[in-house]
Amino acid sequence: MTDTRYRSGVEAQGERSMKRREVSAHPEATIADSEYSLADIQRKQAKPMRWVVFILAALLAIVVPYGLGRTLAIHHTAGVLRLVSGLDPRGIALIAWTVTLVAFVGLGMSIIESSSWFWRVLFVVGIAAEQLIAGLCLLKFNFWYGTYVIYQQSSVLANAANLGILAAGLSVAVFAVLFVAILIGVRKDSPLNTLTHSWSALTMFFVIELAAILIVLFGGLIN
């Protein structure tokens, strides 16, 4: 009798253990169903109106300052020359290059850090300043003739600024080509593949930019 009771107790305890394991293996859901789908949540987080405002601000920063600078260069040439006549051409080239570089850095970082508005504002301010300088210096494909017609002997100042802007822009193009070439043509186990990593790529970008502005400053292009 005692053995029978013992076996019954063991079996009952085993059944209770099995039930506890089954319950723990399949717990009931404690999170309430949401009325929003994943697509709704992603659209809400994307906040498209912010991007619309950013794009419109960027377009205005490109168009308006260039037109203003060009108007000042054509109709208020003497006033523009009084403001910049004391500057060295290499200094003007360096200023134009720096402003353009800030605009490109702001654009790149606004894509990488899409949640931060600081880089977007930096890009808009930088591109507005760059376009104002470009308008004042009549930047276009063949700017040498236009700057001489407007500024005469002082056209070296405008040409220097244009060269600074072009140096920054062409450096971005060179960096983009090299970066894509490394991504496509270099094996993943190659040491060169480290150049595609974030800090290595950023270092390569600034090295190319510095090389370009040094060529402009000391390569005999400003005369």
C-alpha atoms as a PDB file:
ATOM      1  CA  MET A   1       0.000   0.000   0.000  1.00  0.00           C
ATOM      2  CA  THR A   2       2.793   2.362   0.925  1.00  0.00           C
ATOM      3  CA  ASP A   3       4.603   1.673  -2.362  1.00  0.00           C
ATOM      4  CA  THR A   4       1.426   2.321  -4.304  1.00  0.00           C
ATOM      5  CA  ARG A   5       0.916   5.683  -2.583  1.00  0.00           C
ATOM      6  CA  TYR A   6       4.551   6.576  -3.175  1.00  0.00           C
ATOM      7  CA  ARG A   7       4.322   5.761  -6.898  1.00  0.00           C
ATOM      8  CA  SER A   8       1.065   7.730  -7.170  1.00  0.00           C
ATOM      9  CA  GLY A   9       2.680  10.731  -5.519  1.00  0.00           C
ATOM     10  CA  VAL A  10       5.694  10.567  -7.825  1.00  0.00           C
ATOM     11  CA  GLU A  11       3.466  10.280 -10.901  1.00  0.00           C
ATOM     12  CA  ALA A  12       1.326  13.226  -9.771  1.00  0.00           C
ATOM     13  CA  GLN A  13       4.400  15.325  -9.147  1.00  0.00           C
ATOM     14  CA  GLY A  14       5.772  14.400 -12.594  1.00  0.00           C
ATOM     15  CA  GLU A  15       2.497  15.379 -14.247  1.00  0.00           C
ATOM     16  CA  ARG A  16       2.551  18.765 -12.482  1.00  0.00           C
ATOM     17  CA  SER A  17       6.158  19.333 -13.627  1.00  0.00           C
ATOM     18  CA  MET A  18       5.221  18.496 -17.230  1.00  0.00           C
ATOM     19  CA  LYS A  19       2.323  20.933 -17.082  1.00  0.00           C
ATOM     20  CA  ARG A  20       4.589  23.675 -15.746  1.00  0.00           C
ATOM     21  CA  ARG A  21       7.092  23.049 -18.572  1.00  0.00           C
ATOM     22  CA  GLU A  22       4.320  23.172 -21.177  1.00  0.00           C
ATOM     23  CA  VAL A  23       2.998  26.426 -19.792  1.00  0.00           C
ATOM     24  CA  SER A  24       6.439  28.006 -19.658  1.00  0.00           C
ATOM     25  CA  ALA A  25       7.244  26.845 -23.190  1.00  0.00           C
ATOM     26  CA  HIS A  26       4.130  28.502 -24.588  1.00  0.00           C
ATOM     27  CA  PRO A  27       3.448  31.656 -22.553  1.00  0.00           C
ATOM     28  CA  GLU A  28       0.483  33.816 -23.308  1.00  0.00           C
ATOM     29  CA  ALA A  29       1.109  37.096 -25.133  1.00  0.00           C
ATOM     30  CA  THR A  30       1.346  40.006 -22.708  1.00  0.00           C
ATOM     31  CA  ILE A  31       1.768  42.739 -25.353  1.00  0.00           C
ATOM     32  CA  ALA A  32      -1.438  44.169 -26.694  1.00  0.00           C
ATOM     33  CA  ASP A  33      -1.982  44.236 -30.437  1.00  0.00           C
ATOM     34  CA  SER A  34      -1.060  47.594 -31.972  1.00  0.00           C
ATOM     35  CA  GLU A  35      -3.369  49.388 -34.367  1.00  0.00           C
ATOM     36  CA  TYR A  36      -0.335  50.520 -36.412  1.00  0.00           C
ATOM     37  CA  SER A  37       1.406  48.322 -38.951  1.00  0.00           C
ATOM     38  CA  LEU A  38       5.180  48.244 -39.449  1.00  0.00           C
ATOM     39  CA  ALA A  39       4.817  50.345 -42.599  1.00  0.00           C
ATOM     40  CA  ASP A  40       2.820  52.962 -40.661  1.00  0.00           C
ATOM     41  CA  ILE A  41       5.494  53.130 -37.972  1.00  0.00           C
ATOM     42  CA  GLN A  42       8.273  53.499 -40.560  1.00  0.00           C
ATOM     43  CA  ARG A  43       6.381  56.264 -42.356  1.00  0.00           C
ATOM     44  CA  LYS A  44       5.817  58.043 -39.062  1.00  0.00           C
ATOM     45  CA  GLN A  45       9.516  57.866 -38.186  1.00  0.00           C
ATOM     46  CA  ALA A  46      10.582  59.020 -41.670  1.00  0.00           C
ATOM     47  CA  LYS A  47       8.850  62.432 -41.202  1.00  0.00           C
ATOM     48  CA  PRO A  48       8.785  63.344 -44.916  1.00  0.00           C
ATOM     49  CA  MET A  49       7.780  66.971 -44.256  1.00  0.00           C
ATOM     50  CA  ARG A  50      11.162  67.621 -42.667  1.00  0.00           C
ATOM     51  CA  TRP A  51      12.912  66.370 -45.788  1.00  0.00           C
ATOM     52  CA  VAL A  52      10.651  68.534 -47.970  1.00  0.00           C
ATOM     53  CA  VAL A  53      11.576  71.606 -45.915  1.00  0.00           C
ATOM     54  CA  PHE A  54      15.271  70.673 -46.104  1.00  0.00           C
ATOM     55  CA  ILE A  55      15.197  70.218 -49.890  1.00  0.00           C
ATOM     56  CA  LEU A  56      13.357  73.508 -50.431  1.00  0.00           C
ATOM     57  CA  ALA A  57      15.806  75.330 -48.163  1.00  0.00           C
ATOM     58  CA  ALA A  58      18.739  73.798 -50.054  1.00  0.00           C
ATOM     59  CA  LEU A  59      17.297  74.868 -53.423  1.00  0.00           C
ATOM     60  CA  LEU A  60      16.794  78.422 -52.173  1.00  0.00           C
ATOM     61  CA  ALA A  61      20.336  78.436 -50.765  1.00  0.00           C
ATOM     62  CA  ILE A  62      21.660  77.474 -54.195  1.00  0.00           C
ATOM     63  CA  VAL A  63      19.621  79.865 -56.357  1.00  0.00           C
ATOM     64  CA  VAL A  64      19.149  83.071 -54.340  1.00  0.00           C
ATOM     65  CA  PRO A  65      22.734  83.738 -53.115  1.00  0.00           C
ATOM     66  CA  TYR A  66      24.211  83.096 -56.576  1.00  0.00           C
ATOM     67  CA  GLY A  67      21.810  85.573 -58.175  1.00  0.00           C
ATOM     68  CA  LEU A  68      22.518  88.124 -55.452  1.00  0.00           C
ATOM     69  CA  GLY A  69      26.269  87.745 -55.834  1.00  0.00           C
ATOM     70  CA  ARG A  70      26.104  88.036 -59.608  1.00  0.00           C
ATOM     71  CA  THR A  71      23.964  91.180 -59.340  1.00  0.00           C
ATOM     72  CA  LEU A  72      26.445  92.760 -56.942  1.00  0.00           C
ATOM     73  CA  ALA A  73      29.360  91.852 -59.208  1.00  0.00           C
ATOM     74  CA  ILE A  74      27.774  93.418 -62.294  1.00  0.00           C
ATOM     75  CA  HIS A  75      26.040  96.488 -60.838  1.00  0.00           C
ATOM     76  CA  HIS A  76      28.163  97.249 -57.762  1.00  0.00           C
ATOM     77  CA  THR A  77      31.628  96.252 -58.944  1.00  0.00           C
ATOM     78  CA  ALA A  78      33.448  99.121 -57.247  1.00  0.00           C
ATOM     79  CA  GLY A  79      31.901  98.333 -53.876  1.00  0.00           C
ATOM     80  CA  VAL A  80      32.832  94.666 -54.153  1.00  0.00           C
ATOM     81  CA  LEU A  81      36.423  95.556 -55.027  1.00  0.00           C
ATOM     82  CA  ARG A  82      36.690  97.908 -52.044  1.00  0.00           C
ATOM     83  CA  LEU A  83      35.728  95.048 -49.731  1.00  0.00           C
ATOM     84  CA  VAL A  84      38.223  92.513 -51.109  1.00  0.00           C
ATOM     85  CA  SER A  85      41.060  94.664 -52.455  1.00  0.00           C
ATOM     86  CA  GLY A  86      43.122  94.208 -49.296  1.00  0.00           C
ATOM     87  CA  LEU A  87      42.996  90.408 -49.438  1.00  0.00           C
ATOM     88  CA  ASP A  88      45.670  88.167 -50.909  1.00  0.00           C
ATOM     89  CA  PRO A  89      44.522  85.971 -53.832  1.00  0.00           C
ATOM     90  CA  ARG A  90      45.728  82.834 -52.052  1.00  0.00           C
ATOM     91  CA  GLY A  91      43.764  83.836 -48.969  1.00  0.00           C
ATOM     92  CA  ILE A  92      40.615  84.246 -51.055  1.00  0.00           C
ATOM     93  CA  ALA A  93      41.180  80.842 -52.657  1.00  0.00           C
ATOM     94  CA  LEU A  94      41.583  79.283 -49.215  1.00  0.00           C
ATOM     95  CA  ILE A  95      38.385  80.930 -47.943  1.00  0.00           C
ATOM     96  CA  ALA A  96      36.381  79.755 -50.958  1.00  0.00           C
ATOM     97  CA  TRP A  97      37.776  76.229 -50.627  1.00  0.00           C
ATOM     98  CA  THR A  98      36.983  76.105 -46.902  1.00  0.00           C
ATOM     99  CA  VAL A  99      33.393  77.272 -47.388  1.00  0.00           C
ATOM    100  CA  THR A 100      32.814  74.719 -50.142  1.00  0.00           C
ATOM    101  CA  LEU A 101      34.396  71.965 -48.059  1.00  0.00           C
ATOM    102  CA  VAL A 102      32.090  72.793 -45.139  1.00  0.00           C
ATOM    103  CA  ALA A 103      29.092  72.507 -47.463  1.00  0.00           C
ATOM    104  CA  PHE A 104      30.169  69.085 -48.738  1.00  0.00           C
ATOM    105  CA  VAL A 105      30.924  67.806 -45.234  1.00  0.00           C
ATOM    106  CA  GLY A 106      27.514  68.989 -44.078  1.00  0.00           C
ATOM    107  CA  LEU A 107      25.851  67.197 -46.995  1.00  0.00           C
ATOM    108  CA  GLY A 108      27.694  63.944 -46.371  1.00  0.00           C
ATOM    109  CA  MET A 109      27.085  63.961 -42.639  1.00  0.00           C
ATOM    110  CA  SER A 110      23.408  64.845 -43.091  1.00  0.00           C
ATOM    111  CA  ILE A 111      23.053  61.629 -45.103  1.00  0.00           C
ATOM    112  CA  ILE A 112      24.986  59.533 -42.588  1.00  0.00           C
ATOM    113  CA  GLU A 113      23.433  61.134 -39.489  1.00  0.00           C
ATOM    114  CA  SER A 114      19.954  61.573 -40.926  1.00  0.00           C
ATOM    115  CA  SER A 115      18.396  62.078 -37.492  1.00  0.00           C
ATOM    116  CA  SER A 116      20.483  65.185 -36.735  1.00  0.00           C
ATOM    117  CA  TRP A 117      19.433  68.607 -37.995  1.00  0.00           C
ATOM    118  CA  PHE A 118      22.814  70.183 -37.221  1.00  0.00           C
ATOM    119  CA  TRP A 119      24.453  68.817 -40.367  1.00  0.00           C
ATOM    120  CA  ARG A 120      21.523  69.835 -42.569  1.00  0.00           C
ATOM    121  CA  VAL A 121      21.670  73.389 -41.267  1.00  0.00           C
ATOM    122  CA  LEU A 122      25.450  73.394 -41.743  1.00  0.00           C
ATOM    123  CA  PHE A 123      25.015  72.248 -45.348  1.00  0.00           C
ATOM    124  CA  VAL A 124      22.408  74.915 -46.133  1.00  0.00           C
ATOM    125  CA  VAL A 125      24.542  77.688 -44.602  1.00  0.00           C
ATOM    126  CA  GLY A 126      27.680  76.386 -46.309  1.00  0.00           C
ATOM    127  CA  ILE A 127      26.108  76.041 -49.752  1.00  0.00           C
ATOM    128  CA  ALA A 128      24.543  79.508 -49.447  1.00  0.00           C
ATOM    129  CA  ALA A 129      27.944  81.050 -48.659  1.00  0.00           C
ATOM    130  CA  GLU A 130      29.599  79.095 -51.473  1.00  0.00           C
ATOM    131  CA  GLN A 131      26.962  80.193 -53.993  1.00  0.00           C
ATOM    132  CA  LEU A 132      27.297  83.815 -52.907  1.00  0.00           C
ATOM    133  CA  ILE A 133      31.045  83.666 -53.540  1.00  0.00           C
ATOM    134  CA  ALA A 134      30.439  81.887 -56.850  1.00  0.00           C
ATOM    135  CA  GLY A 135      28.009  84.608 -57.915  1.00  0.00           C
ATOM    136  CA  LEU A 136      30.381  87.402 -56.925  1.00  0.00           C
ATOM    137  CA  CYS A 137      33.157  85.700 -58.904  1.00  0.00           C
ATOM    138  CA  LEU A 138      30.945  84.850 -61.909  1.00  0.00           C
ATOM    139  CA  LEU A 139      31.745  81.152 -61.643  1.00  0.00           C
ATOM    140  CA  LYS A 140      30.910  79.153 -64.756  1.00  0.00           C
ATOM    141  CA  PHE A 141      32.652  76.690 -67.073  1.00  0.00           C
ATOM    142  CA  ASN A 142      34.851  79.383 -68.672  1.00  0.00           C
ATOM    143  CA  PHE A 143      35.051  82.088 -66.022  1.00  0.00           C
ATOM    144  CA  TRP A 144      38.378  83.657 -66.998  1.00  0.00           C
ATOM    145  CA  TYR A 145      36.923  85.957 -69.661  1.00  0.00           C
ATOM    146  CA  GLY A 146      33.896  87.018 -67.604  1.00  0.00           C
ATOM    147  CA  THR A 147      35.923  87.931 -64.535  1.00  0.00           C
ATOM    148  CA  TYR A 148      38.329  90.016 -66.625  1.00  0.00           C
ATOM    149  CA  VAL A 149      35.484  91.929 -68.286  1.00  0.00           C
ATOM    150  CA  ILE A 150      33.946  92.811 -64.903  1.00  0.00           C
ATOM    151  CA  TYR A 151      36.969  93.188 -62.624  1.00  0.00           C
ATOM    152  CA  GLN A 152      39.734  94.046 -65.112  1.00  0.00           C
ATOM    153  CA  GLN A 153      43.146  93.850 -63.393  1.00  0.00           C
ATOM    154  CA  SER A 154      41.561  92.710 -60.133  1.00  0.00           C
ATOM    155  CA  SER A 155      40.137  89.607 -61.811  1.00  0.00           C
ATOM    156  CA  VAL A 156      42.928  87.581 -60.179  1.00  0.00           C
ATOM    157  CA  LEU A 157      40.948  87.756 -56.930  1.00  0.00           C
ATOM    158  CA  ALA A 158      37.793  86.341 -58.500  1.00  0.00           C
ATOM    159  CA  ASN A 159      39.768  83.702 -60.368  1.00  0.00           C
ATOM    160  CA  ALA A 160      41.430  82.604 -57.130  1.00  0.00           C
ATOM    161  CA  ALA A 161      38.052  82.165 -55.437  1.00  0.00           C
ATOM    162  CA  ASN A 162      36.743  80.171 -58.386  1.00  0.00           C
ATOM    163  CA  LEU A 163      39.794  77.923 -58.292  1.00  0.00           C
ATOM    164  CA  GLY A 164      39.243  77.301 -54.580  1.00  0.00           C
ATOM    165  CA  ILE A 165      35.637  76.261 -55.212  1.00  0.00           C
ATOM    166  CA  LEU A 166      36.612  74.037 -58.131  1.00  0.00           C
ATOM    167  CA  ALA A 167      39.390  72.414 -56.090  1.00  0.00           C
ATOM    168  CA  ALA A 168      36.911  71.365 -53.407  1.00  0.00           C
ATOM    169  CA  GLY A 169      34.346  70.147 -55.933  1.00  0.00           C
ATOM    170  CA  LEU A 170      36.778  68.166 -58.072  1.00  0.00           C
ATOM    171  CA  SER A 171      38.255  66.580 -54.946  1.00  0.00           C
ATOM    172  CA  VAL A 172      34.821  65.243 -54.016  1.00  0.00           C
ATOM    173  CA  ALA A 173      34.509  63.745 -57.500  1.00  0.00           C
ATOM    174  CA  VAL A 174      37.957  62.121 -57.249  1.00  0.00           C
ATOM    175  CA  PHE A 175      37.151  60.723 -53.814  1.00  0.00           C
ATOM    176  CA  ALA A 176      33.840  59.289 -55.035  1.00  0.00           C
ATOM    177  CA  VAL A 177      35.524  57.553 -57.985  1.00  0.00           C
ATOM    178  CA  LEU A 178      38.276  56.081 -55.785  1.00  0.00           C
ATOM    179  CA  PHE A 179      35.802  54.946 -53.128  1.00  0.00           C
ATOM    180  CA  VAL A 180      33.576  53.162 -55.649  1.00  0.00           C
ATOM    181  CA  ALA A 181      36.613  51.645 -57.393  1.00  0.00           C
ATOM    182  CA  ILE A 182      37.859  50.218 -54.087  1.00  0.00           C
ATOM    183  CA  LEU A 183      34.416  48.835 -53.249  1.00  0.00           C
ATOM    184  CA  ILE A 184      34.096  47.120 -56.620  1.00  0.00           C
ATOM    185  CA  GLY A 185      37.640  46.187 -57.570  1.00  0.00           C
ATOM    186  CA  VAL A 186      39.348  45.320 -54.275  1.00  0.00           C
ATOM    187  CA  ARG A 187      38.829  42.000 -52.516  1.00  0.00           C
ATOM    188  CA  LYS A 188      37.417  42.033 -49.007  1.00  0.00           C
ATOM    189  CA  ASP A 189      40.560  40.454 -47.546  1.00  0.00           C
ATOM    190  CA  SER A 190      42.830  43.083 -49.135  1.00  0.00           C
ATOM    191  CA  PRO A 191      44.462  45.713 -46.876  1.00  0.00           C
ATOM    192  CA  LEU A 192      43.172  48.405 -49.254  1.00  0.00           C
ATOM    193  CA  ASN A 193      39.635  47.496 -48.259  1.00  0.00           C
ATOM    194  CA  THR A 194      40.205  49.315 -44.952  1.00  0.00           C
ATOM    195  CA  LEU A 195      39.985  52.579 -46.918  1.00  0.00           C
ATOM    196  CA  THR A 196      36.240  52.018 -47.197  1.00  0.00           C
ATOM    197  CA  HIS A 197      35.804  52.050 -43.421  1.00  0.00           C
ATOM    198  CA  SER A 198      34.319  55.210 -41.922  1.00  0.00           C
ATOM    199  CA  TRP A 199      37.363  56.937 -40.414  1.00  0.00           C
ATOM    200  CA  SER A 200      39.745  55.694 -43.104  1.00  0.00           C
ATOM    201  CA  ALA A 201      37.430  56.956 -45.836  1.00  0.00           C
ATOM    202  CA  LEU A 202      37.089  60.316 -44.083  1.00  0.00           C
ATOM    203  CA  THR A 203      40.873  60.596 -43.787  1.00  0.00           C
ATOM    204  CA  MET A 204      41.295  59.784 -47.479  1.00  0.00           C
ATOM    205  CA  PHE A 205      38.710  62.442 -48.333  1.00  0.00           C
ATOM    206  CA  PHE A 206      40.554  65.163 -46.426  1.00  0.00           C
ATOM    207  CA  VAL A 207      43.925  64.096 -47.852  1.00  0.00           C
ATOM    208  CA  ILE A 208      42.553  64.508 -51.386  1.00  0.00           C
ATOM    209  CA  GLU A 209      41.040  67.887 -50.481  1.00  0.00           C
ATOM    210  CA  LEU A 210      44.305  69.124 -48.967  1.00  0.00           C
ATOM    211  CA  ALA A 211      46.274  67.962 -51.999  1.00  0.00           C
ATOM    212  CA  ALA A 212      43.903  69.849 -54.299  1.00  0.00           C
ATOM    213  CA  ILE A 213      44.092  73.154 -52.436  1.00  0.00           C
ATOM    214  CA  LEU A 214      47.881  72.898 -52.153  1.00  0.00           C
ATOM    215  CA  ILE A 215      48.067  72.488 -55.932  1.00  0.00           C
ATOM    216  CA  VAL A 216      45.927  75.602 -56.356  1.00  0.00           C
ATOM    217  CA  LEU A 217      47.913  77.665 -53.852  1.00  0.00           C
ATOM    218  CA  PHE A 218      51.429  76.674 -54.871  1.00  0.00           C
ATOM    219  CA  GLY A 219      51.038  75.159 -58.336  1.00  0.00           C
ATOM    220  CA  GLY A 220      51.221  78.423 -60.247  1.00  0.00           C
ATOM    221  CA  LEU A 221      47.495  78.530 -61.054  1.00  0.00           C
ATOM    222  CA  ILE A 222      46.962  81.848 -59.256  1.00  0.00           C
ATOM    223  CA  ASN A 223      48.712  84.653 -61.140  1.00  0.00           C
END
